[in-house]
Structure formats: structure tokens, C-alpha cells
Amino acid sequence: FSGGFIGVDVFFVISGYLITTILIKDLENNSFDLINFYERRARRILPALYFMILTSVIIGWFILTPYFYRDLFQTITAISLFMSNYLIYLKSGYFAPIGELKPFLHTWSLAVEEQFYILWPLLLWLSWKRQFNLLIITVAVLIVSFFINYRYVDLYPTHIFFWPVGRFWELLAGSVLAWISLYKKNQFSSVFLLIDK
């Protein structure tokens, strides 16, 4: 289908919604634990990721040239550090023809998501501790990220595609939806009831 790449944008919004919902509930229940949060993320992502890596290493031994097999291990290192978006940006870009020989090309979006998961819980926790308004903080960071995306997408399209600073606004759009669903559910539902009538 045309416009298929919008699926990644939708994925980021859903991811931001889900993770912010979990974080806000943990903060409200005084059960927020950063180590536990990262441990849950690791248990959810790493088994499937390591299985995929192991499978690719085995199959790559038989079908990749030595050059691309070395490149595979370079990519695995970047994936392990959740930095594959930067490596792909530096080496070839997503749309380069050579991308067909890079089995981990899709992990750039996982890297952006994990970079968000490193920074966002810390910012939310600090905001909560200081009793800042979480919605204002979220919208402020969203606006900055969106402005950077809008301002520089024509000048530096590859940067904006891969770098988290131009993508975080999508995850934060999901965070705003999470805030609305938690705190303004009744008002939000009444709007949809009016529309439905």
C-alpha cells in the first residue's frame, strides 16, 4: 500500500501511549521503580531480539559475503547499545539499495523507542517529584521536537528520519493521549457522545 511508512509513526504513538499510561499509574500508586521498569522492558524485548540475532548470525554465515557478515556484527553491536538508528544513518540510510542485505535495518525504530524509554521515565519522575504539571511538560517537549522536525525535515531528511529528536514528538503525542485517557476520560467520552448523536 502507498504510505506504508506511516505504520512506524502509528507505532510510535501507540508506544508512547502505552508506556506513559504505565508510568503515570506507577507514579500515582507510589510503585515507580526505574530499575524494575527497565527490567520489564528487557524481559519483553531482549528474548525475541536475541533469538533474531542468533538466527541471522547462523543464516548469514551461509548466505552473506565476508564483507556483509562483518557488517552484520557491527550492526549487532549497535543494536545491543540501542544505537542502530545512528549506525544506519551513518552507513547507508534506510532507502539505499544495499539495504536489502542488512537484516537488521528495521531495528532503527526500536533504537529510537528505547532511547525515548531511557529519557522519558526520568523526566516524568523528576516532574512528578517536583510536582510539575505533567501535561505541560509533555506538550512543551512535544512542541520542541515537532518544531525541529518541521523546520529541518527538508534540509536534513535523513537526520530527521533516524534521529530521536525529530521522532520524539510522535511518542509524546501518545503520551498526551495517555494523559487525556487517565485524567479527562469523562470529558473526552462526552465529546464523542455528542459527535455520535
N, C-alpha and C. Protein backbone atom coordinates (compact mmCIF):
# COMPACT_ATOMS: atom_id res chain seq x y z
N PHE A 1 0.84 -1.19 0.00
CA PHE A 1 0.00 0.00 0.00
C PHE A 1 0.87 1.24 0.00
N SER A 2 0.39 2.30 -0.65
CA SER A 2 1.14 3.54 -0.61
C SER A 2 1.06 4.14 0.79
N GLY A 3 2.11 4.85 1.19
CA GLY A 3 2.13 5.45 2.52
C GLY A 3 2.36 4.45 3.63
N GLY A 4 2.94 3.30 3.29
CA GLY A 4 3.14 2.25 4.28
C GLY A 4 4.01 2.65 5.45
N PHE A 5 4.90 3.62 5.25
CA PHE A 5 5.80 4.02 6.32
C PHE A 5 5.08 4.73 7.46
N ILE A 6 3.82 5.10 7.24
CA ILE A 6 3.06 5.73 8.32
C ILE A 6 2.83 4.73 9.46
N GLY A 7 2.98 3.46 9.17
CA GLY A 7 2.86 2.45 10.21
C GLY A 7 3.85 2.65 11.34
N VAL A 8 5.05 3.11 11.01
CA VAL A 8 6.06 3.39 12.04
C VAL A 8 5.60 4.55 12.91
N ASP A 9 5.02 5.58 12.28
CA ASP A 9 4.53 6.74 13.03
C ASP A 9 3.43 6.31 14.01
N VAL A 10 2.51 5.47 13.52
CA VAL A 10 1.43 4.97 14.37
C VAL A 10 2.01 4.14 15.51
N PHE A 11 3.00 3.32 15.19
CA PHE A 11 3.66 2.50 16.20
C PHE A 11 4.25 3.38 17.31
N PHE A 12 4.89 4.48 16.94
CA PHE A 12 5.47 5.37 17.94
C PHE A 12 4.38 5.99 18.84
N VAL A 13 3.27 6.40 18.24
CA VAL A 13 2.19 7.00 19.02
C VAL A 13 1.62 5.98 20.01
N ILE A 14 1.37 4.77 19.55
CA ILE A 14 0.84 3.72 20.42
C ILE A 14 1.83 3.39 21.54
N SER A 15 3.09 3.31 21.18
CA SER A 15 4.13 3.02 22.17
C SER A 15 4.20 4.10 23.25
N GLY A 16 4.16 5.36 22.82
CA GLY A 16 4.17 6.47 23.78
C GLY A 16 2.96 6.44 24.68
N TYR A 17 1.81 6.09 24.11
CA TYR A 17 0.58 6.00 24.90
C TYR A 17 0.70 4.91 25.98
N LEU A 18 1.11 3.73 25.56
CA LEU A 18 1.17 2.60 26.49
C LEU A 18 2.18 2.83 27.60
N ILE A 19 3.36 3.29 27.25
CA ILE A 19 4.41 3.43 28.26
C ILE A 19 4.10 4.56 29.23
N THR A 20 3.52 5.64 28.73
CA THR A 20 3.18 6.76 29.62
C THR A 20 2.04 6.39 30.55
N THR A 21 1.07 5.62 30.06
CA THR A 21 -0.01 5.14 30.91
C THR A 21 0.56 4.32 32.07
N ILE A 22 1.46 3.41 31.76
CA ILE A 22 2.09 2.57 32.80
C ILE A 22 2.86 3.43 33.79
N LEU A 23 3.65 4.37 33.28
CA LEU A 23 4.49 5.21 34.15
C LEU A 23 3.64 6.09 35.08
N ILE A 24 2.60 6.71 34.53
CA ILE A 24 1.77 7.59 35.36
C ILE A 24 1.05 6.79 36.44
N LYS A 25 0.55 5.61 36.08
CA LYS A 25 -0.12 4.76 37.08
C LYS A 25 0.86 4.35 38.18
N ASP A 26 2.09 4.00 37.80
CA ASP A 26 3.11 3.64 38.78
C ASP A 26 3.42 4.83 39.70
N LEU A 27 3.52 6.02 39.11
CA LEU A 27 3.81 7.21 39.91
C LEU A 27 2.67 7.50 40.89
N GLU A 28 1.44 7.37 40.41
CA GLU A 28 0.29 7.63 41.27
C GLU A 28 0.19 6.64 42.43
N ASN A 29 0.58 5.39 42.16
CA ASN A 29 0.49 4.33 43.17
C ASN A 29 1.75 4.24 44.04
N ASN A 30 2.67 5.19 43.83
CA ASN A 30 3.96 5.17 44.55
C ASN A 30 4.71 3.85 44.36
N SER A 31 4.55 3.26 43.18
CA SER A 31 5.23 1.99 42.89
C SER A 31 6.25 2.15 41.76
N PHE A 32 6.57 3.40 41.44
CA PHE A 32 7.53 3.65 40.35
C PHE A 32 8.92 3.21 40.78
N ASP A 33 9.51 2.36 39.98
CA ASP A 33 10.86 1.85 40.23
C ASP A 33 11.57 1.79 38.89
N LEU A 34 12.55 2.66 38.70
CA LEU A 34 13.21 2.77 37.40
C LEU A 34 13.89 1.46 37.00
N ILE A 35 14.56 0.82 37.96
CA ILE A 35 15.24 -0.45 37.65
C ILE A 35 14.23 -1.50 37.24
N ASN A 36 13.12 -1.57 37.96
CA ASN A 36 12.07 -2.53 37.64
C ASN A 36 11.47 -2.24 36.27
N PHE A 37 11.31 -0.94 35.97
CA PHE A 37 10.78 -0.54 34.66
C PHE A 37 11.68 -1.04 33.54
N TYR A 38 13.00 -0.81 33.68
CA TYR A 38 13.95 -1.26 32.66
C TYR A 38 14.03 -2.78 32.59
N GLU A 39 13.89 -3.42 33.73
CA GLU A 39 13.92 -4.89 33.75
C GLU A 39 12.73 -5.46 32.98
N ARG A 40 11.54 -4.86 33.19
CA ARG A 40 10.35 -5.32 32.45
C ARG A 40 10.52 -5.11 30.95
N ARG A 41 11.10 -3.97 30.58
CA ARG A 41 11.34 -3.71 29.15
C ARG A 41 12.31 -4.75 28.58
N ALA A 42 13.37 -5.06 29.33
CA ALA A 42 14.36 -6.03 28.86
C ALA A 42 13.72 -7.41 28.69
N ARG A 43 12.89 -7.82 29.65
CA ARG A 43 12.24 -9.14 29.55
C ARG A 43 11.29 -9.20 28.36
N ARG A 44 10.72 -8.06 28.02
CA ARG A 44 9.77 -8.04 26.90
C ARG A 44 10.48 -8.05 25.55
N ILE A 45 11.58 -7.33 25.44
CA ILE A 45 12.22 -7.13 24.14
C ILE A 45 13.38 -8.08 23.87
N LEU A 46 14.25 -8.28 24.86
CA LEU A 46 15.52 -8.95 24.60
C LEU A 46 15.42 -10.41 24.15
N PRO A 47 14.53 -11.24 24.73
CA PRO A 47 14.48 -12.63 24.24
C PRO A 47 14.22 -12.73 22.73
N ALA A 48 13.22 -12.00 22.24
CA ALA A 48 12.92 -12.04 20.80
C ALA A 48 14.07 -11.44 19.99
N LEU A 49 14.67 -10.35 20.52
CA LEU A 49 15.77 -9.70 19.81
C LEU A 49 16.97 -10.63 19.70
N TYR A 50 17.32 -11.29 20.80
CA TYR A 50 18.48 -12.20 20.78
C TYR A 50 18.22 -13.42 19.91
N PHE A 51 16.98 -13.89 19.90
CA PHE A 51 16.64 -15.00 19.00
C PHE A 51 16.83 -14.59 17.55
N MET A 52 16.37 -13.38 17.22
CA MET A 52 16.51 -12.87 15.86
C MET A 52 17.99 -12.70 15.49
N ILE A 53 18.78 -12.19 16.45
CA ILE A 53 20.22 -12.00 16.20
C ILE A 53 20.88 -13.34 15.95
N LEU A 54 20.62 -14.34 16.81
CA LEU A 54 21.23 -15.65 16.67
C LEU A 54 20.85 -16.30 15.35
N THR A 55 19.58 -16.19 14.98
CA THR A 55 19.11 -16.76 13.71
C THR A 55 19.80 -16.09 12.53
N SER A 56 19.95 -14.78 12.59
CA SER A 56 20.59 -14.04 11.50
C SER A 56 22.07 -14.37 11.39
N VAL A 57 22.74 -14.57 12.53
CA VAL A 57 24.16 -14.93 12.52
C VAL A 57 24.35 -16.30 11.86
N ILE A 58 23.48 -17.24 12.20
CA ILE A 58 23.60 -18.59 11.63
C ILE A 58 23.31 -18.57 10.13
N ILE A 59 22.20 -17.96 9.73
CA ILE A 59 21.84 -17.92 8.30
C ILE A 59 22.84 -17.07 7.53
N GLY A 60 23.29 -15.95 8.14
CA GLY A 60 24.25 -15.07 7.48
C GLY A 60 25.55 -15.77 7.15
N TRP A 61 25.95 -16.73 7.97
CA TRP A 61 27.19 -17.49 7.72
C TRP A 61 27.15 -18.17 6.35
N PHE A 62 25.95 -18.59 5.94
CA PHE A 62 25.80 -19.33 4.69
C PHE A 62 25.49 -18.44 3.49
N ILE A 63 24.87 -17.29 3.71
CA ILE A 63 24.42 -16.52 2.54
C ILE A 63 25.10 -15.16 2.36
N LEU A 64 25.79 -14.66 3.39
CA LEU A 64 26.42 -13.35 3.26
C LEU A 64 27.89 -13.46 2.88
N THR A 65 28.35 -12.47 2.12
CA THR A 65 29.78 -12.39 1.82
C THR A 65 30.53 -11.98 3.09
N PRO A 66 31.85 -12.21 3.14
CA PRO A 66 32.61 -11.81 4.34
C PRO A 66 32.41 -10.34 4.72
N TYR A 67 32.34 -9.46 3.72
CA TYR A 67 32.15 -8.04 4.00
C TYR A 67 30.84 -7.80 4.73
N PHE A 68 29.75 -8.39 4.22
CA PHE A 68 28.44 -8.16 4.82
C PHE A 68 28.28 -8.91 6.14
N TYR A 69 29.04 -10.01 6.29
CA TYR A 69 29.00 -10.72 7.57
C TYR A 69 29.67 -9.89 8.66
N ARG A 70 30.79 -9.23 8.32
CA ARG A 70 31.42 -8.30 9.28
C ARG A 70 30.48 -7.15 9.60
N ASP A 71 29.82 -6.66 8.57
CA ASP A 71 28.87 -5.57 8.75
C ASP A 71 27.72 -6.00 9.67
N LEU A 72 27.32 -7.27 9.56
CA LEU A 72 26.26 -7.80 10.41
C LEU A 72 26.65 -7.69 11.89
N PHE A 73 27.90 -8.02 12.21
CA PHE A 73 28.35 -7.96 13.60
C PHE A 73 28.49 -6.52 14.09
N GLN A 74 28.86 -5.63 13.19
CA GLN A 74 28.89 -4.22 13.56
C GLN A 74 27.49 -3.74 13.93
N THR A 75 26.52 -4.17 13.14
CA THR A 75 25.13 -3.79 13.40
C THR A 75 24.64 -4.41 14.71
N ILE A 76 25.02 -5.66 14.98
CA ILE A 76 24.62 -6.31 16.23
C ILE A 76 25.14 -5.54 17.44
N THR A 77 26.37 -5.04 17.33
CA THR A 77 26.93 -4.23 18.42
C THR A 77 26.09 -2.98 18.64
N ALA A 78 25.73 -2.31 17.55
CA ALA A 78 24.91 -1.10 17.65
C ALA A 78 23.53 -1.41 18.22
N ILE A 79 22.96 -2.54 17.83
CA ILE A 79 21.64 -2.94 18.34
C ILE A 79 21.72 -3.17 19.85
N SER A 80 22.79 -3.82 20.29
CA SER A 80 22.95 -4.11 21.72
C SER A 80 23.02 -2.84 22.56
N LEU A 81 23.50 -1.76 21.94
CA LEU A 81 23.59 -0.47 22.63
C LEU A 81 22.38 0.43 22.32
N PHE A 82 21.41 -0.11 21.60
CA PHE A 82 20.24 0.63 21.13
C PHE A 82 20.65 1.91 20.39
N MET A 83 21.60 1.73 19.48
CA MET A 83 22.12 2.85 18.69
C MET A 83 22.09 2.55 17.20
N SER A 84 21.31 1.55 16.79
CA SER A 84 21.34 1.16 15.38
C SER A 84 20.81 2.25 14.47
N ASN A 85 19.96 3.14 14.98
CA ASN A 85 19.48 4.24 14.13
C ASN A 85 20.64 5.13 13.69
N TYR A 86 21.60 5.37 14.58
CA TYR A 86 22.75 6.19 14.22
C TYR A 86 23.67 5.47 13.25
N LEU A 87 23.87 4.17 13.46
CA LEU A 87 24.74 3.40 12.57
C LEU A 87 24.17 3.35 11.16
N ILE A 88 22.86 3.08 11.06
CA ILE A 88 22.23 3.02 9.73
C ILE A 88 22.29 4.38 9.06
N TYR A 89 22.08 5.43 9.84
CA TYR A 89 22.19 6.78 9.29
C TYR A 89 23.58 7.03 8.73
N LEU A 90 24.61 6.64 9.47
CA LEU A 90 26.00 6.90 9.06
C LEU A 90 26.43 6.04 7.87
N LYS A 91 25.92 4.81 7.80
CA LYS A 91 26.47 3.87 6.81
C LYS A 91 25.76 3.92 5.46
N SER A 92 24.41 3.94 5.48
CA SER A 92 23.76 3.83 4.17
C SER A 92 22.42 4.53 4.09
N GLY A 93 21.74 4.64 5.19
CA GLY A 93 20.37 5.16 5.13
C GLY A 93 19.40 4.02 4.91
N TYR A 94 18.14 4.31 5.14
CA TYR A 94 17.12 3.26 5.08
C TYR A 94 16.78 2.86 3.66
N PHE A 95 16.81 3.81 2.75
CA PHE A 95 16.30 3.57 1.41
C PHE A 95 17.39 3.21 0.40
N ALA A 96 18.62 3.05 0.84
CA ALA A 96 19.70 2.69 -0.07
C ALA A 96 19.47 1.28 -0.62
N PRO A 97 19.81 1.04 -1.91
CA PRO A 97 19.60 -0.29 -2.49
C PRO A 97 20.30 -1.40 -1.71
N ILE A 98 21.44 -1.06 -1.11
CA ILE A 98 22.22 -2.05 -0.37
C ILE A 98 21.50 -2.50 0.91
N GLY A 99 20.46 -1.80 1.27
CA GLY A 99 19.70 -2.13 2.47
C GLY A 99 19.10 -3.52 2.44
N GLU A 100 18.91 -4.09 1.25
CA GLU A 100 18.34 -5.43 1.14
C GLU A 100 19.24 -6.47 1.79
N LEU A 101 20.52 -6.16 1.93
CA LEU A 101 21.48 -7.09 2.53
C LEU A 101 21.73 -6.80 4.00
N LYS A 102 20.88 -5.99 4.59
CA LYS A 102 21.03 -5.64 6.01
C LYS A 102 19.80 -6.15 6.77
N PRO A 103 19.91 -7.32 7.39
CA PRO A 103 18.74 -7.92 8.03
C PRO A 103 18.21 -7.16 9.24
N PHE A 104 19.01 -6.25 9.79
CA PHE A 104 18.57 -5.53 10.98
C PHE A 104 18.22 -4.07 10.68
N LEU A 105 17.94 -3.79 9.45
CA LEU A 105 17.64 -2.42 9.05
C LEU A 105 16.46 -1.84 9.83
N HIS A 106 15.49 -2.70 10.10
CA HIS A 106 14.26 -2.24 10.77
C HIS A 106 14.48 -1.88 12.24
N THR A 107 15.63 -2.25 12.82
CA THR A 107 15.82 -2.01 14.26
C THR A 107 16.07 -0.54 14.59
N TRP A 108 16.16 0.33 13.58
CA TRP A 108 16.34 1.76 13.87
C TRP A 108 15.17 2.28 14.70
N SER A 109 13.94 1.78 14.41
CA SER A 109 12.77 2.27 15.14
C SER A 109 12.78 1.76 16.58
N LEU A 110 13.27 0.54 16.78
CA LEU A 110 13.42 0.01 18.14
C LEU A 110 14.42 0.86 18.93
N ALA A 111 15.49 1.27 18.26
CA ALA A 111 16.51 2.11 18.92
C ALA A 111 15.92 3.45 19.35
N VAL A 112 15.15 4.08 18.46
CA VAL A 112 14.51 5.36 18.81
C VAL A 112 13.58 5.17 20.00
N GLU A 113 12.80 4.09 19.96
CA GLU A 113 11.87 3.81 21.05
C GLU A 113 12.62 3.63 22.38
N GLU A 114 13.70 2.87 22.35
CA GLU A 114 14.45 2.62 23.58
C GLU A 114 15.15 3.88 24.08
N GLN A 115 15.60 4.72 23.18
CA GLN A 115 16.20 6.00 23.60
C GLN A 115 15.16 6.86 24.30
N PHE A 116 13.93 6.81 23.81
CA PHE A 116 12.83 7.50 24.47
C PHE A 116 12.59 6.91 25.85
N TYR A 117 12.63 5.59 25.95
CA TYR A 117 12.38 4.91 27.22
C TYR A 117 13.48 5.15 28.26
N ILE A 118 14.64 5.53 27.80
CA ILE A 118 15.71 5.88 28.74
C ILE A 118 15.47 7.27 29.33
N LEU A 119 15.07 8.22 28.47
CA LEU A 119 14.93 9.61 28.90
C LEU A 119 13.57 9.94 29.51
N TRP A 120 12.50 9.43 28.93
CA TRP A 120 11.16 9.85 29.33
C TRP A 120 10.80 9.46 30.76
N PRO A 121 11.06 8.23 31.20
CA PRO A 121 10.74 7.91 32.60
C PRO A 121 11.46 8.81 33.60
N LEU A 122 12.71 9.15 33.30
CA LEU A 122 13.46 10.04 34.19
C LEU A 122 12.83 11.42 34.25
N LEU A 123 12.45 11.96 33.09
CA LEU A 123 11.84 13.29 33.05
C LEU A 123 10.48 13.28 33.75
N LEU A 124 9.69 12.24 33.52
CA LEU A 124 8.39 12.14 34.18
C LEU A 124 8.56 12.04 35.70
N TRP A 125 9.50 11.22 36.13
CA TRP A 125 9.72 11.04 37.57
C TRP A 125 10.16 12.33 38.23
N LEU A 126 11.10 13.04 37.58
CA LEU A 126 11.56 14.32 38.13
C LEU A 126 10.43 15.34 38.17
N SER A 127 9.62 15.36 37.12
CA SER A 127 8.48 16.28 37.08
C SER A 127 7.48 15.96 38.18
N TRP A 128 7.24 14.68 38.40
CA TRP A 128 6.31 14.23 39.42
C TRP A 128 6.82 14.61 40.81
N LYS A 129 8.12 14.39 41.05
CA LYS A 129 8.71 14.70 42.35
C LYS A 129 8.65 16.20 42.64
N ARG A 130 8.83 17.01 41.61
CA ARG A 130 8.79 18.47 41.77
C ARG A 130 7.37 19.02 41.68
N GLN A 131 6.42 18.11 41.46
CA GLN A 131 5.00 18.48 41.35
C GLN A 131 4.74 19.45 40.20
N PHE A 132 5.46 19.22 39.10
CA PHE A 132 5.20 19.97 37.89
C PHE A 132 3.98 19.36 37.20
N ASN A 133 3.33 20.14 36.36
CA ASN A 133 2.20 19.66 35.59
C ASN A 133 2.72 18.75 34.46
N LEU A 134 2.35 17.47 34.51
CA LEU A 134 2.87 16.50 33.54
C LEU A 134 2.41 16.82 32.12
N LEU A 135 1.18 17.32 31.99
CA LEU A 135 0.69 17.63 30.64
C LEU A 135 1.48 18.78 30.03
N ILE A 136 1.77 19.81 30.82
CA ILE A 136 2.54 20.96 30.31
C ILE A 136 3.94 20.52 29.89
N ILE A 137 4.58 19.69 30.72
CA ILE A 137 5.92 19.19 30.40
C ILE A 137 5.88 18.39 29.10
N THR A 138 4.88 17.50 29.00
CA THR A 138 4.77 16.65 27.81
C THR A 138 4.55 17.48 26.55
N VAL A 139 3.61 18.41 26.62
CA VAL A 139 3.29 19.24 25.44
C VAL A 139 4.48 20.12 25.07
N ALA A 140 5.20 20.64 26.06
CA ALA A 140 6.35 21.50 25.79
C ALA A 140 7.43 20.74 25.03
N VAL A 141 7.75 19.53 25.50
CA VAL A 141 8.78 18.72 24.82
C VAL A 141 8.29 18.30 23.44
N LEU A 142 6.99 17.97 23.34
CA LEU A 142 6.41 17.60 22.05
C LEU A 142 6.56 18.75 21.04
N ILE A 143 6.24 19.96 21.47
CA ILE A 143 6.31 21.12 20.57
C ILE A 143 7.74 21.35 20.09
N VAL A 144 8.70 21.23 20.99
CA VAL A 144 10.11 21.43 20.60
C VAL A 144 10.52 20.39 19.57
N SER A 145 10.19 19.12 19.83
CA SER A 145 10.54 18.04 18.90
C SER A 145 9.84 18.22 17.56
N PHE A 146 8.56 18.57 17.58
CA PHE A 146 7.82 18.76 16.34
C PHE A 146 8.39 19.94 15.55
N PHE A 147 8.74 21.02 16.24
CA PHE A 147 9.31 22.17 15.56
C PHE A 147 10.63 21.80 14.87
N ILE A 148 11.47 21.04 15.56
CA ILE A 148 12.74 20.60 14.96
C ILE A 148 12.46 19.75 13.73
N ASN A 149 11.49 18.84 13.84
CA ASN A 149 11.12 18.01 12.70
C ASN A 149 10.64 18.86 11.53
N TYR A 150 9.70 19.75 11.80
CA TYR A 150 9.11 20.59 10.76
C TYR A 150 10.14 21.52 10.12
N ARG A 151 11.00 22.09 10.96
CA ARG A 151 11.96 23.09 10.49
C ARG A 151 13.07 22.48 9.64
N TYR A 152 13.48 21.26 9.99
CA TYR A 152 14.68 20.71 9.37
C TYR A 152 14.44 19.49 8.46
N VAL A 153 13.21 19.04 8.33
CA VAL A 153 12.97 17.83 7.54
C VAL A 153 13.36 18.00 6.07
N ASP A 154 13.19 19.20 5.52
CA ASP A 154 13.57 19.43 4.12
C ASP A 154 15.08 19.59 3.97
N LEU A 155 15.72 20.18 4.97
CA LEU A 155 17.18 20.40 4.90
C LEU A 155 17.96 19.14 5.22
N TYR A 156 17.49 18.38 6.23
CA TYR A 156 18.22 17.19 6.69
C TYR A 156 17.25 16.01 6.83
N PRO A 157 16.69 15.53 5.72
CA PRO A 157 15.66 14.48 5.83
C PRO A 157 16.15 13.19 6.48
N THR A 158 17.41 12.82 6.21
CA THR A 158 17.93 11.57 6.79
C THR A 158 18.13 11.71 8.29
N HIS A 159 18.64 12.88 8.71
CA HIS A 159 18.78 13.13 10.15
C HIS A 159 17.43 13.00 10.85
N ILE A 160 16.44 13.69 10.31
CA ILE A 160 15.12 13.74 10.93
C ILE A 160 14.48 12.35 10.94
N PHE A 161 14.74 11.57 9.89
CA PHE A 161 14.16 10.22 9.81
C PHE A 161 14.69 9.33 10.92
N PHE A 162 16.00 9.39 11.19
CA PHE A 162 16.64 8.45 12.11
C PHE A 162 16.86 8.98 13.52
N TRP A 163 17.06 10.27 13.67
CA TRP A 163 17.44 10.79 14.98
C TRP A 163 16.23 10.94 15.89
N PRO A 164 16.39 10.62 17.16
CA PRO A 164 15.23 10.67 18.08
C PRO A 164 14.65 12.07 18.26
N VAL A 165 15.47 13.09 18.16
CA VAL A 165 14.98 14.45 18.41
C VAL A 165 13.84 14.82 17.45
N GLY A 166 13.87 14.29 16.25
CA GLY A 166 12.80 14.57 15.29
C GLY A 166 11.67 13.56 15.33
N ARG A 167 11.80 12.54 16.18
CA ARG A 167 10.78 11.49 16.28
C ARG A 167 10.05 11.48 17.62
N PHE A 168 10.65 12.07 18.63
CA PHE A 168 10.07 12.00 19.97
C PHE A 168 8.66 12.60 20.03
N TRP A 169 8.37 13.58 19.17
CA TRP A 169 7.05 14.20 19.21
C TRP A 169 5.95 13.18 18.94
N GLU A 170 6.26 12.15 18.15
CA GLU A 170 5.26 11.13 17.85
C GLU A 170 4.97 10.29 19.09
N LEU A 171 6.02 9.90 19.81
CA LEU A 171 5.85 9.16 21.05
C LEU A 171 5.12 10.03 22.09
N LEU A 172 5.44 11.32 22.09
CA LEU A 172 4.82 12.23 23.05
C LEU A 172 3.36 12.52 22.71
N ALA A 173 3.00 12.42 21.43
CA ALA A 173 1.59 12.53 21.06
C ALA A 173 0.80 11.41 21.74
N GLY A 174 1.39 10.23 21.77
CA GLY A 174 0.79 9.12 22.50
C GLY A 174 0.74 9.39 23.99
N SER A 175 1.77 10.07 24.51
CA SER A 175 1.79 10.42 25.93
C SER A 175 0.67 11.39 26.29
N VAL A 176 0.40 12.34 25.40
CA VAL A 176 -0.71 13.28 25.62
C VAL A 176 -2.04 12.53 25.63
N LEU A 177 -2.20 11.58 24.71
CA LEU A 177 -3.42 10.76 24.69
C LEU A 177 -3.55 9.95 25.99
N ALA A 178 -2.41 9.47 26.50
CA ALA A 178 -2.43 8.73 27.77
C ALA A 178 -2.91 9.63 28.90
N TRP A 179 -2.42 10.86 28.94
CA TRP A 179 -2.81 11.81 29.98
C TRP A 179 -4.32 12.09 29.90
N ILE A 180 -4.81 12.30 28.67
CA ILE A 180 -6.25 12.57 28.47
C ILE A 180 -7.08 11.37 28.93
N SER A 181 -6.64 10.17 28.56
CA SER A 181 -7.43 8.98 28.91
C SER A 181 -7.44 8.73 30.41
N LEU A 182 -6.39 9.16 31.12
CA LEU A 182 -6.32 8.95 32.56
C LEU A 182 -7.04 10.03 33.36
N TYR A 183 -6.94 11.27 32.89
CA TYR A 183 -7.43 12.39 33.69
C TYR A 183 -8.66 13.10 33.14
N LYS A 184 -8.91 12.92 31.85
CA LYS A 184 -10.03 13.65 31.24
C LYS A 184 -10.96 12.69 30.51
N LYS A 185 -11.02 11.46 31.00
CA LYS A 185 -11.79 10.43 30.30
C LYS A 185 -13.26 10.81 30.15
N ASN A 186 -13.87 11.33 31.22
CA ASN A 186 -15.29 11.66 31.17
C ASN A 186 -15.59 12.76 30.15
N GLN A 187 -14.77 13.84 30.20
CA GLN A 187 -14.98 14.93 29.25
C GLN A 187 -14.75 14.46 27.82
N PHE A 188 -13.74 13.61 27.64
CA PHE A 188 -13.40 13.10 26.32
C PHE A 188 -14.54 12.23 25.79
N SER A 189 -15.08 11.38 26.66
CA SER A 189 -16.17 10.48 26.26
C SER A 189 -17.41 11.28 25.87
N SER A 190 -17.70 12.36 26.61
CA SER A 190 -18.89 13.16 26.31
C SER A 190 -18.78 13.83 24.95
N VAL A 191 -17.57 14.21 24.57
CA VAL A 191 -17.36 14.81 23.23
C VAL A 191 -17.72 13.79 22.16
N PHE A 192 -17.26 12.54 22.33
CA PHE A 192 -17.56 11.51 21.33
C PHE A 192 -19.05 11.17 21.31
N LEU A 193 -19.71 11.25 22.46
CA LEU A 193 -21.15 11.02 22.52
C LEU A 193 -21.89 12.08 21.72
N LEU A 194 -21.46 13.33 21.84
CA LEU A 194 -22.08 14.43 21.09
C LEU A 194 -21.89 14.23 19.59
N ILE A 195 -20.68 13.82 19.21
CA ILE A 195 -20.38 13.59 17.80
C ILE A 195 -21.25 12.46 17.26
N ASP A 196 -21.39 11.41 18.09
CA ASP A 196 -22.15 10.24 17.68
C ASP A 196 -23.62 10.59 17.44
N LYS A 197 -24.15 11.55 18.25
CA LYS A 197 -25.55 11.94 18.09
C LYS A 197 -25.73 12.78 16.84
